[in-house]
Amino acid sequence: MYGRVTTFTLLAPSLWAVVNAVSSKLESEDYKRYLFKAGDNNGFIFESFTNKSIAGSNLEVLKAMQGLSEQGMAKVSIQEGTINK
């Protein structure tokens, strides 16, 4: 199993609509995605994949959140890793 956590702080709470549009809940056999709201302007997105290759082919959320960061609309941090056995 491979996972990715994207934590973010939005510079305007109105940006939640954008975050919801790109990271709403998704569950399939190889890929699961959950959006958590931690406060009025911050939260995190948890994605789990069956392997690193599947993670590499599912970069839409990562690119969208990095785009918000590049435009100065959010502070974003991304961590990835495998399950420790």
C-alpha atoms as a PDB file:
ATOM      1  CA  MET A   1       0.000   0.000   0.000  1.00  0.00           C
ATOM      2  CA  TYR A   2       1.155   3.521  -0.837  1.00  0.00           C
ATOM      3  CA  GLY A   3      -0.245   6.740   0.609  1.00  0.00           C
ATOM      4  CA  ARG A   4      -0.217  10.467   0.004  1.00  0.00           C
ATOM      5  CA  VAL A   5      -1.289  13.179   2.447  1.00  0.00           C
ATOM      6  CA  THR A   6      -1.742  16.737   1.229  1.00  0.00           C
ATOM      7  CA  THR A   7      -2.153  19.289   4.019  1.00  0.00           C
ATOM      8  CA  PHE A   8      -3.213  22.798   3.167  1.00  0.00           C
ATOM      9  CA  THR A   9      -4.139  26.196   4.531  1.00  0.00           C
ATOM     10  CA  LEU A  10      -6.354  28.290   2.288  1.00  0.00           C
ATOM     11  CA  LEU A  11      -5.754  32.030   2.272  1.00  0.00           C
ATOM     12  CA  ALA A  12      -9.513  32.561   1.799  1.00  0.00           C
ATOM     13  CA  PRO A  13     -12.234  30.202   3.113  1.00  0.00           C
ATOM     14  CA  SER A  14     -14.138  30.752  -0.150  1.00  0.00           C
ATOM     15  CA  LEU A  15     -11.547  28.511  -1.850  1.00  0.00           C
ATOM     16  CA  TRP A  16     -13.199  25.459  -0.280  1.00  0.00           C
ATOM     17  CA  ALA A  17     -15.373  25.224  -3.403  1.00  0.00           C
ATOM     18  CA  VAL A  18     -12.242  24.700  -5.500  1.00  0.00           C
ATOM     19  CA  VAL A  19     -10.816  22.126  -3.086  1.00  0.00           C
ATOM     20  CA  ASN A  20     -14.132  20.243  -3.001  1.00  0.00           C
ATOM     21  CA  ALA A  21     -14.268  20.198  -6.789  1.00  0.00           C
ATOM     22  CA  VAL A  22     -10.837  18.569  -7.180  1.00  0.00           C
ATOM     23  CA  SER A  23     -10.689  16.319  -4.127  1.00  0.00           C
ATOM     24  CA  SER A  24     -14.137  15.008  -3.261  1.00  0.00           C
ATOM     25  CA  LYS A  25     -14.446  11.477  -1.875  1.00  0.00           C
ATOM     26  CA  LEU A  26     -13.561   8.688  -4.288  1.00  0.00           C
ATOM     27  CA  GLU A  27     -13.343   4.958  -3.692  1.00  0.00           C
ATOM     28  CA  SER A  28     -12.269   2.349  -6.220  1.00  0.00           C
ATOM     29  CA  GLU A  29     -10.396  -0.908  -5.943  1.00  0.00           C
ATOM     30  CA  ASP A  30      -6.945   0.644  -6.525  1.00  0.00           C
ATOM     31  CA  TYR A  31      -7.454   4.213  -5.296  1.00  0.00           C
ATOM     32  CA  LYS A  32      -9.230   5.897  -2.383  1.00  0.00           C
ATOM     33  CA  ARG A  33      -9.409   9.623  -1.664  1.00  0.00           C
ATOM     34  CA  TYR A  34     -10.856  11.473   1.328  1.00  0.00           C
ATOM     35  CA  LEU A  35     -11.040  15.199   2.068  1.00  0.00           C
ATOM     36  CA  PHE A  36     -10.931  16.291   5.720  1.00  0.00           C
ATOM     37  CA  LYS A  37     -11.811  19.801   6.866  1.00  0.00           C
ATOM     38  CA  ALA A  38      -9.835  20.678   9.994  1.00  0.00           C
ATOM     39  CA  GLY A  39     -10.896  24.334  10.280  1.00  0.00           C
ATOM     40  CA  ASP A  40     -12.451  27.218   8.384  1.00  0.00           C
ATOM     41  CA  ASN A  41      -9.449  27.518   6.094  1.00  0.00           C
ATOM     42  CA  ASN A  42      -7.409  24.339   6.519  1.00  0.00           C
ATOM     43  CA  GLY A  43      -7.607  20.614   6.044  1.00  0.00           C
ATOM     44  CA  PHE A  44      -5.972  17.617   4.446  1.00  0.00           C
ATOM     45  CA  ILE A  45      -6.540  15.139   1.664  1.00  0.00           C
ATOM     46  CA  PHE A  46      -5.690  11.498   2.231  1.00  0.00           C
ATOM     47  CA  GLU A  47      -5.135   9.265  -0.787  1.00  0.00           C
ATOM     48  CA  SER A  48      -4.305   5.554  -0.671  1.00  0.00           C
ATOM     49  CA  PHE A  49      -3.162   3.444  -3.590  1.00  0.00           C
ATOM     50  CA  THR A  50      -2.419  -0.232  -4.056  1.00  0.00           C
ATOM     51  CA  ASN A  51       1.137   0.648  -5.167  1.00  0.00           C
ATOM     52  CA  LYS A  52       3.453   3.513  -6.123  1.00  0.00           C
ATOM     53  CA  SER A  53       2.779   3.053  -9.843  1.00  0.00           C
ATOM     54  CA  ILE A  54      -0.951   3.703  -9.359  1.00  0.00           C
ATOM     55  CA  ALA A  55      -0.051   6.783  -7.280  1.00  0.00           C
ATOM     56  CA  GLY A  56       2.081   8.045 -10.150  1.00  0.00           C
ATOM     57  CA  SER A  57      -0.855   7.821 -12.527  1.00  0.00           C
ATOM     58  CA  ASN A  58      -3.223   9.722 -10.175  1.00  0.00           C
ATOM     59  CA  LEU A  59      -1.693  13.175  -9.882  1.00  0.00           C
ATOM     60  CA  GLU A  60      -4.749  15.361 -10.532  1.00  0.00           C
ATOM     61  CA  VAL A  61      -5.315  16.366  -6.907  1.00  0.00           C
ATOM     62  CA  LEU A  62      -1.613  16.936  -6.312  1.00  0.00           C
ATOM     63  CA  LYS A  63      -1.331  19.180  -9.396  1.00  0.00           C
ATOM     64  CA  ALA A  64      -4.472  21.146  -8.510  1.00  0.00           C
ATOM     65  CA  MET A  65      -3.329  21.799  -4.942  1.00  0.00           C
ATOM     66  CA  GLN A  66       0.171  22.761  -6.074  1.00  0.00           C
ATOM     67  CA  GLY A  67      -1.492  25.149  -8.533  1.00  0.00           C
ATOM     68  CA  LEU A  68      -3.299  26.859  -5.647  1.00  0.00           C
ATOM     69  CA  SER A  69       0.032  27.197  -3.884  1.00  0.00           C
ATOM     70  CA  GLU A  70       1.785  28.601  -6.951  1.00  0.00           C
ATOM     71  CA  GLN A  71      -0.976  31.202  -7.361  1.00  0.00           C
ATOM     72  CA  GLY A  72      -0.544  32.310  -3.753  1.00  0.00           C
ATOM     73  CA  MET A  73      -3.997  31.073  -2.723  1.00  0.00           C
ATOM     74  CA  ALA A  74      -2.893  28.305  -0.356  1.00  0.00           C
ATOM     75  CA  LYS A  75       0.018  26.895   1.599  1.00  0.00           C
ATOM     76  CA  VAL A  76       0.420  23.236   0.670  1.00  0.00           C
ATOM     77  CA  SER A  77       2.537  20.372   2.001  1.00  0.00           C
ATOM     78  CA  ILE A  78       2.639  16.897   0.456  1.00  0.00           C
ATOM     79  CA  GLN A  79       3.977  13.691   1.979  1.00  0.00           C
ATOM     80  CA  GLU A  80       4.069  10.248   0.395  1.00  0.00           C
ATOM     81  CA  GLY A  81       5.180   6.834   1.518  1.00  0.00           C
ATOM     82  CA  THR A  82       4.633   3.127   1.821  1.00  0.00           C
ATOM     83  CA  ILE A  83       3.152   1.243   4.722  1.00  0.00           C
ATOM     84  CA  ASN A  84       5.785   0.063   7.193  1.00  0.00           C
ATOM     85  CA  LYS A  85       5.553  -3.711   7.531  1.00  0.00           C
END
